[in-house]
C-alpha atoms as a PDB file:
ATOM      1  CA  MET A   1       0.000   0.000   0.000  1.00  0.00           C
ATOM      2  CA  ASN A   2       2.895   2.336   0.755  1.00  0.00           C
ATOM      3  CA  PHE A   3       4.341   1.402  -2.591  1.00  0.00           C
ATOM      4  CA  SER A   4       1.229   2.706  -4.427  1.00  0.00           C
ATOM      5  CA  LEU A   5       1.430   6.006  -2.575  1.00  0.00           C
ATOM      6  CA  VAL A   6       5.048   6.379  -3.601  1.00  0.00           C
ATOM      7  CA  LEU A   7       4.122   5.683  -7.225  1.00  0.00           C
ATOM      8  CA  LEU A   8       1.334   8.264  -7.117  1.00  0.00           C
ATOM      9  CA  ALA A   9       3.636  10.845  -5.611  1.00  0.00           C
ATOM     10  CA  THR A  10       6.314  10.297  -8.238  1.00  0.00           C
ATOM     11  CA  SER A  11       4.022  10.024 -11.261  1.00  0.00           C
ATOM     12  CA  PRO A  12       3.482  13.069 -13.512  1.00  0.00           C
ATOM     13  CA  LYS A  13      -0.304  12.917 -12.951  1.00  0.00           C
ATOM     14  CA  ALA A  14       0.134  13.540  -9.240  1.00  0.00           C
ATOM     15  CA  SER A  15       1.314  17.051  -9.910  1.00  0.00           C
ATOM     16  CA  SER A  16      -1.795  17.889 -11.979  1.00  0.00           C
ATOM     17  CA  SER A  17      -4.203  16.398  -9.410  1.00  0.00           C
ATOM     18  CA  PRO A  18      -3.796  19.250  -6.913  1.00  0.00           C
ATOM     19  CA  ASP A  19      -4.422  21.739  -9.721  1.00  0.00           C
ATOM     20  CA  ILE A  20      -7.771  20.062 -10.572  1.00  0.00           C
ATOM     21  CA  MET A  21      -8.737  19.928  -6.913  1.00  0.00           C
ATOM     22  CA  GLY A  22      -7.830  23.581  -6.500  1.00  0.00           C
ATOM     23  CA  THR A  23      -9.877  24.487  -9.550  1.00  0.00           C
ATOM     24  CA  ILE A  24     -12.872  22.503  -8.275  1.00  0.00           C
ATOM     25  CA  GLN A  25     -12.571  24.115  -4.857  1.00  0.00           C
ATOM     26  CA  GLY A  26     -12.284  27.537  -6.501  1.00  0.00           C
ATOM     27  CA  LEU A  27     -15.506  26.915  -8.496  1.00  0.00           C
ATOM     28  CA  LEU A  28     -17.361  25.243  -5.650  1.00  0.00           C
ATOM     29  CA  GLY A  29     -17.422  28.410  -3.520  1.00  0.00           C
ATOM     30  CA  PRO A  30     -19.154  30.620  -6.124  1.00  0.00           C
ATOM     31  CA  MET A  31     -21.536  27.795  -7.093  1.00  0.00           C
ATOM     32  CA  ILE A  32     -22.629  27.344  -3.473  1.00  0.00           C
ATOM     33  CA  GLY A  33     -22.939  31.119  -3.154  1.00  0.00           C
ATOM     34  CA  CYS A  34     -25.169  31.261  -6.252  1.00  0.00           C
ATOM     35  CA  LEU A  35     -27.293  28.369  -4.958  1.00  0.00           C
ATOM     36  CA  VAL A  36     -27.757  30.027  -1.566  1.00  0.00           C
ATOM     37  CA  MET A  37     -28.636  33.332  -3.250  1.00  0.00           C
ATOM     38  CA  PHE A  38     -31.165  31.551  -5.489  1.00  0.00           C
ATOM     39  CA  LEU A  39     -32.800  29.838  -2.500  1.00  0.00           C
ATOM     40  CA  VAL A  40     -33.042  33.143  -0.594  1.00  0.00           C
ATOM     41  CA  ILE A  41     -34.551  34.962  -3.580  1.00  0.00           C
ATOM     42  CA  PHE A  42     -36.929  32.040  -4.234  1.00  0.00           C
ATOM     43  CA  SER A  43     -38.064  32.043  -0.591  1.00  0.00           C
ATOM     44  CA  LEU A  44     -38.617  35.803  -0.620  1.00  0.00           C
ATOM     45  CA  SER A  45     -40.551  35.599  -3.889  1.00  0.00           C
ATOM     46  CA  LEU A  46     -42.810  32.878  -2.405  1.00  0.00           C
ATOM     47  CA  ILE A  47     -43.517  35.098   0.600  1.00  0.00           C
ATOM     48  CA  ILE A  48     -44.244  38.152  -1.573  1.00  0.00           C
ATOM     49  CA  TRP A  49     -46.453  36.130  -3.954  1.00  0.00           C
ATOM     50  CA  THR A  50     -48.406  34.674  -1.021  1.00  0.00           C
ATOM     51  CA  PHE A  51     -48.944  38.107   0.502  1.00  0.00           C
ATOM     52  CA  ARG A  52     -50.183  39.545  -2.794  1.00  0.00           C
ATOM     53  CA  ASP A  53     -52.407  36.547  -3.473  1.00  0.00           C
ATOM     54  CA  ILE A  54     -54.060  36.552  -0.042  1.00  0.00           C
ATOM     55  CA  ARG A  55     -54.620  40.307  -0.248  1.00  0.00           C
ATOM     56  CA  ALA A  56     -56.444  39.770  -3.541  1.00  0.00           C
ATOM     57  CA  ARG A  57     -58.661  37.122  -1.908  1.00  0.00           C
ATOM     58  CA  THR A  58     -59.581  38.551   1.490  1.00  0.00           C
ATOM     59  CA  GLN A  59     -59.614  41.813   3.394  1.00  0.00           C
ATOM     60  CA  ASP A  60     -59.110  40.095   6.756  1.00  0.00           C
ATOM     61  CA  PHE A  61     -55.766  41.378   8.067  1.00  0.00           C
ATOM     62  CA  VAL A  62     -55.245  38.394  10.398  1.00  0.00           C
ATOM     63  CA  SER A  63     -55.662  35.911   7.525  1.00  0.00           C
ATOM     64  CA  GLN A  64     -53.185  37.890   5.436  1.00  0.00           C
ATOM     65  CA  ILE A  65     -50.559  37.827   8.187  1.00  0.00           C
ATOM     66  CA  LEU A  66     -51.099  34.136   9.021  1.00  0.00           C
ATOM     67  CA  ALA A  67     -50.773  33.036   5.395  1.00  0.00           C
ATOM     68  CA  THR A  68     -47.604  35.075   4.921  1.00  0.00           C
ATOM     69  CA  VAL A  69     -46.027  33.772   8.141  1.00  0.00           C
ATOM     70  CA  LEU A  70     -46.975  30.198   7.186  1.00  0.00           C
ATOM     71  CA  VAL A  71     -45.058  30.455   3.925  1.00  0.00           C
ATOM     72  CA  ALA A  72     -42.185  32.331   5.587  1.00  0.00           C
ATOM     73  CA  LEU A  73     -41.726  29.567   8.174  1.00  0.00           C
ATOM     74  CA  PHE A  74     -42.302  26.447   6.090  1.00  0.00           C
ATOM     75  CA  ASN A  75     -41.310  27.718   2.628  1.00  0.00           C
ATOM     76  CA  VAL A  76     -42.607  25.360  -0.110  1.00  0.00           C
ATOM     77  CA  GLY A  77     -44.487  23.188   2.408  1.00  0.00           C
ATOM     78  CA  GLY A  78     -46.206  26.290   3.754  1.00  0.00           C
ATOM     79  CA  LEU A  79     -47.080  27.309   0.202  1.00  0.00           C
ATOM     80  CA  PHE A  80     -48.809  23.967  -0.410  1.00  0.00           C
ATOM     81  CA  ILE A  81     -50.761  24.337   2.836  1.00  0.00           C
ATOM     82  CA  TYR A  82     -51.731  27.884   1.848  1.00  0.00           C
ATOM     83  CA  LEU A  83     -52.867  26.748  -1.613  1.00  0.00           C
ATOM     84  CA  ILE A  84     -55.120  24.147   0.024  1.00  0.00           C
ATOM     85  CA  LEU A  85     -56.663  26.589   2.517  1.00  0.00           C
ATOM     86  CA  ARG A  86     -56.883  29.832   0.537  1.00  0.00           C
ATOM     87  CA  PRO A  87     -60.276  31.231  -0.595  1.00  0.00           C
ATOM     88  CA  ARG A  88     -61.309  30.016  -4.032  1.00  0.00           C
ATOM     89  CA  GLN A  89     -62.242  33.360  -5.551  1.00  0.00           C
ATOM     90  CA  THR A  90     -60.488  36.692  -5.558  1.00  0.00           C
ATOM     91  CA  LEU A  91     -62.285  39.802  -4.400  1.00  0.00           C
ATOM     92  CA  ALA A  92     -62.439  40.994  -8.024  1.00  0.00           C
ATOM     93  CA  GLU A  93     -64.142  37.742  -9.104  1.00  0.00           C
ATOM     94  CA  ILE A  94     -66.648  38.034  -6.248  1.00  0.00           C
ATOM     95  CA  TYR A  95     -67.362  41.636  -7.229  1.00  0.00           C
ATOM     96  CA  GLU A  96     -67.871  40.683 -10.881  1.00  0.00           C
ATOM     97  CA  ARG A  97     -70.228  37.852  -9.869  1.00  0.00           C
ATOM     98  CA  GLN A  98     -72.227  40.247  -7.702  1.00  0.00           C
ATOM     99  CA  LEU A  99     -72.472  42.691 -10.597  1.00  0.00           C
ATOM    100  CA  GLU A 100     -73.735  39.915 -12.864  1.00  0.00           C
ATOM    101  CA  GLU A 101     -76.325  38.871 -10.277  1.00  0.00           C
ATOM    102  CA  GLU A 102     -77.488  42.467  -9.804  1.00  0.00           C
ATOM    103  CA  SER A 103     -77.687  42.908 -13.575  1.00  0.00           C
ATOM    104  CA  LEU A 104     -79.783  39.744 -13.925  1.00  0.00           C
ATOM    105  CA  LEU A 105     -82.002  40.842 -11.051  1.00  0.00           C
ATOM    106  CA  ALA A 106     -82.472  44.275 -12.589  1.00  0.00           C
ATOM    107  CA  GLU A 107     -83.287  42.675 -15.929  1.00  0.00           C
ATOM    108  CA  MET A 108     -85.828  40.403 -14.274  1.00  0.00           C
ATOM    109  CA  THR A 109     -87.509  43.298 -12.475  1.00  0.00           C
ATOM    110  CA  GLU A 110     -87.553  45.374 -15.659  1.00  0.00           C
ATOM    111  CA  ARG A 111     -89.265  42.554 -17.503  1.00  0.00           C
ATOM    112  CA  GLN A 112     -92.969  43.004 -16.957  1.00  0.00           C
ATOM    113  CA  THR A 113     -95.074  39.993 -16.099  1.00  0.00           C
ATOM    114  CA  CYS A 114     -98.755  39.418 -15.601  1.00  0.00           C
ATOM    115  CA  THR A 115     -99.789  39.639 -11.957  1.00  0.00           C
ATOM    116  CA  ASN A 116    -102.162  36.711 -12.426  1.00  0.00           C
ATOM    117  CA  CYS A 117    -100.307  34.069 -14.480  1.00  0.00           C
ATOM    118  CA  HIS A 118     -96.771  35.592 -14.492  1.00  0.00           C
ATOM    119  CA  ALA A 119     -96.524  35.380 -18.274  1.00  0.00           C
ATOM    120  CA  ARG A 120     -94.272  37.916 -19.966  1.00  0.00           C
ATOM    121  CA  VAL A 121     -96.138  40.967 -21.199  1.00  0.00           C
ATOM    122  CA  GLU A 122     -95.084  44.064 -23.090  1.00  0.00           C
ATOM    123  CA  SER A 123     -95.456  47.589 -21.758  1.00  0.00           C
ATOM    124  CA  ASP A 124     -98.195  48.477 -24.254  1.00  0.00           C
ATOM    125  CA  PHE A 125    -100.469  45.474 -23.543  1.00  0.00           C
ATOM    126  CA  GLN A 126    -103.876  46.311 -22.110  1.00  0.00           C
ATOM    127  CA  VAL A 127    -104.647  42.705 -21.183  1.00  0.00           C
ATOM    128  CA  CYS A 128    -102.526  39.618 -20.664  1.00  0.00           C
ATOM    129  CA  PRO A 129    -102.614  37.477 -23.816  1.00  0.00           C
ATOM    130  CA  SER A 130    -102.383  34.286 -21.724  1.00  0.00           C
ATOM    131  CA  CYS A 131    -105.081  34.720 -19.103  1.00  0.00           C
ATOM    132  CA  GLY A 132    -106.986  37.885 -20.082  1.00  0.00           C
ATOM    133  CA  GLN A 133    -106.057  39.791 -16.884  1.00  0.00           C
ATOM    134  CA  LYS A 134    -106.552  43.565 -17.243  1.00  0.00           C
ATOM    135  CA  LEU A 135    -103.115  45.186 -17.131  1.00  0.00           C
ATOM    136  CA  LYS A 136    -103.683  48.799 -18.217  1.00  0.00           C
ATOM    137  CA  ARG A 137    -106.489  51.084 -19.238  1.00  0.00           C
ATOM    138  CA  SER A 138    -106.655  53.924 -21.716  1.00  0.00           C
ATOM    139  CA  CYS A 139    -107.279  57.520 -20.711  1.00  0.00           C
ATOM    140  CA  PRO A 140    -110.755  58.630 -21.812  1.00  0.00           C
ATOM    141  CA  LYS A 141    -109.388  62.023 -22.887  1.00  0.00           C
ATOM    142  CA  CYS A 142    -106.024  61.366 -24.595  1.00  0.00           C
ATOM    143  CA  GLU A 143    -106.372  57.576 -25.016  1.00  0.00           C
ATOM    144  CA  ARG A 144    -102.863  56.815 -23.783  1.00  0.00           C
ATOM    145  CA  LEU A 145    -102.277  53.710 -21.700  1.00  0.00           C
ATOM    146  CA  LEU A 146    -102.358  54.179 -17.932  1.00  0.00           C
ATOM    147  CA  GLU A 147    -101.551  51.958 -14.992  1.00  0.00           C
ATOM    148  CA  LEU A 148    -104.651  50.656 -13.220  1.00  0.00           C
ATOM    149  CA  ARG A 149    -103.721  52.299  -9.916  1.00  0.00           C
ATOM    150  CA  TRP A 150    -103.280  55.809 -11.334  1.00  0.00           C
ATOM    151  CA  THR A 151    -105.970  58.350 -10.525  1.00  0.00           C
ATOM    152  CA  TYR A 152    -104.642  61.060 -12.856  1.00  0.00           C
ATOM    153  CA  CYS A 153    -103.394  60.792 -16.392  1.00  0.00           C
ATOM    154  CA  PRO A 154     -99.750  62.010 -16.424  1.00  0.00           C
ATOM    155  CA  TYR A 155    -100.064  62.971 -20.094  1.00  0.00           C
ATOM    156  CA  CYS A 156    -103.184  65.182 -20.099  1.00  0.00           C
ATOM    157  CA  ALA A 157    -103.768  65.688 -16.332  1.00  0.00           C
ATOM    158  CA  ASN A 158    -107.260  64.268 -16.605  1.00  0.00           C
ATOM    159  CA  ASN A 159    -108.772  62.823 -13.410  1.00  0.00           C
ATOM    160  CA  VAL A 160    -109.362  59.196 -14.288  1.00  0.00           C
ATOM    161  CA  GLY A 161    -109.855  57.958 -10.732  1.00  0.00           C
ATOM    162  CA  SER A 162    -113.551  58.789 -10.679  1.00  0.00           C
ATOM    163  CA  ALA A 163    -114.214  57.620 -14.232  1.00  0.00           C
ATOM    164  CA  PRO A 164    -115.337  54.002 -14.590  1.00  0.00           C
ATOM    165  CA  MET A 165    -112.719  51.776 -16.102  1.00  0.00           C
ATOM    166  CA  PRO A 166    -113.740  50.612 -19.548  1.00  0.00           C
ATOM    167  CA  GLY A 167    -113.989  46.854 -19.621  1.00  0.00           C
ATOM    168  CA  SER A 168    -113.890  46.640 -15.830  1.00  0.00           C
ATOM    169  CA  MET A 169    -112.603  43.634 -14.012  1.00  0.00           C
ATOM    170  CA  SER A 170    -116.001  42.004 -13.798  1.00  0.00           C
ATOM    171  CA  GLY A 171    -116.220  41.832 -17.581  1.00  0.00           C
ATOM    172  CA  ILE A 172    -112.664  40.570 -17.961  1.00  0.00           C
ATOM    173  CA  ALA A 173    -112.780  37.945 -15.237  1.00  0.00           C
ATOM    174  CA  MET A 174    -115.981  36.466 -16.641  1.00  0.00           C
ATOM    175  CA  GLN A 175    -114.749  35.980 -20.209  1.00  0.00           C
ATOM    176  CA  GLY A 176    -115.885  32.671 -21.641  1.00  0.00           C
ATOM    177  CA  VAL A 177    -118.567  32.222 -18.955  1.00  0.00           C
ATOM    178  CA  PRO A 178    -122.185  32.639 -20.032  1.00  0.00           C
ATOM    179  CA  PRO A 179    -123.827  35.722 -18.459  1.00  0.00           C
ATOM    180  CA  SER A 180    -126.632  33.633 -16.981  1.00  0.00           C
ATOM    181  CA  SER A 181    -124.286  31.555 -14.804  1.00  0.00           C
ATOM    182  CA  SER A 182    -123.849  32.697 -11.239  1.00  0.00           C
ATOM    183  CA  LEU A 183    -120.897  32.178  -8.937  1.00  0.00           C
ATOM    184  CA  GLN A 184    -122.480  33.727  -5.870  1.00  0.00           C
ATOM    185  CA  GLY A 185    -122.682  30.402  -4.052  1.00  0.00           C
ATOM    186  CA  ASN A 186    -118.978  29.617  -4.537  1.00  0.00           C
ATOM    187  CA  PRO A 187    -116.991  32.868  -4.773  1.00  0.00           C
ATOM    188  CA  GLY A 188    -113.645  31.120  -4.255  1.00  0.00           C
ATOM    189  CA  MET A 189    -114.274  28.514  -6.945  1.00  0.00           C
ATOM    190  CA  PRO A 190    -112.033  28.819 -10.026  1.00  0.00           C
ATOM    191  CA  VAL A 191    -113.681  29.463 -13.362  1.00  0.00           C
ATOM    192  CA  SER A 192    -113.317  26.544 -15.721  1.00  0.00           C
ATOM    193  CA  GLY A 193    -113.584  26.548 -19.465  1.00  0.00           C
ATOM    194  CA  ASN A 194    -111.943  28.451 -22.283  1.00  0.00           C
ATOM    195  CA  ARG A 195    -110.930  31.979 -21.382  1.00  0.00           C
ATOM    196  CA  TYR A 196    -110.154  33.107 -24.904  1.00  0.00           C
END
């Protein structure tokens, strides 16, 4: 064994071996430095990303701090835990969804429906085409359509509250029923037969 060490020491390759080791040691220091710097920057970027992401998802200050500390302490493991526990939607997505819901609600309230059968009706219908329910009446003076509850015509200022409604509810509700039939015995009984 001592003989092999003597041969290594006297061979020409032995003199180049310390040069290679010195070169490797010289490169190893900067490579480790770069790796450490990368890990520090990566850890900081995870913390900053987590803080920005949680701020976009909740306004609760305690949740923001806890999520950031979780990632700061446990690094990638903390990030996985945060990704499991974080709120699904951002505040912007929640706001957009609320706007869509309000828009749909406004559209539904704008759409006029019959108070009796809830069929869709247009604003210029006097009666519901589905059930015959009286929806509007015309002003006796200017003949514009008025809501049933109005007592004055907003177009000509005529007092329509005292005037009898043309085609009053008794005539409309009894469409399709012979005039001789009487419902006085059963006022809550529905009218059967064709209403058109």
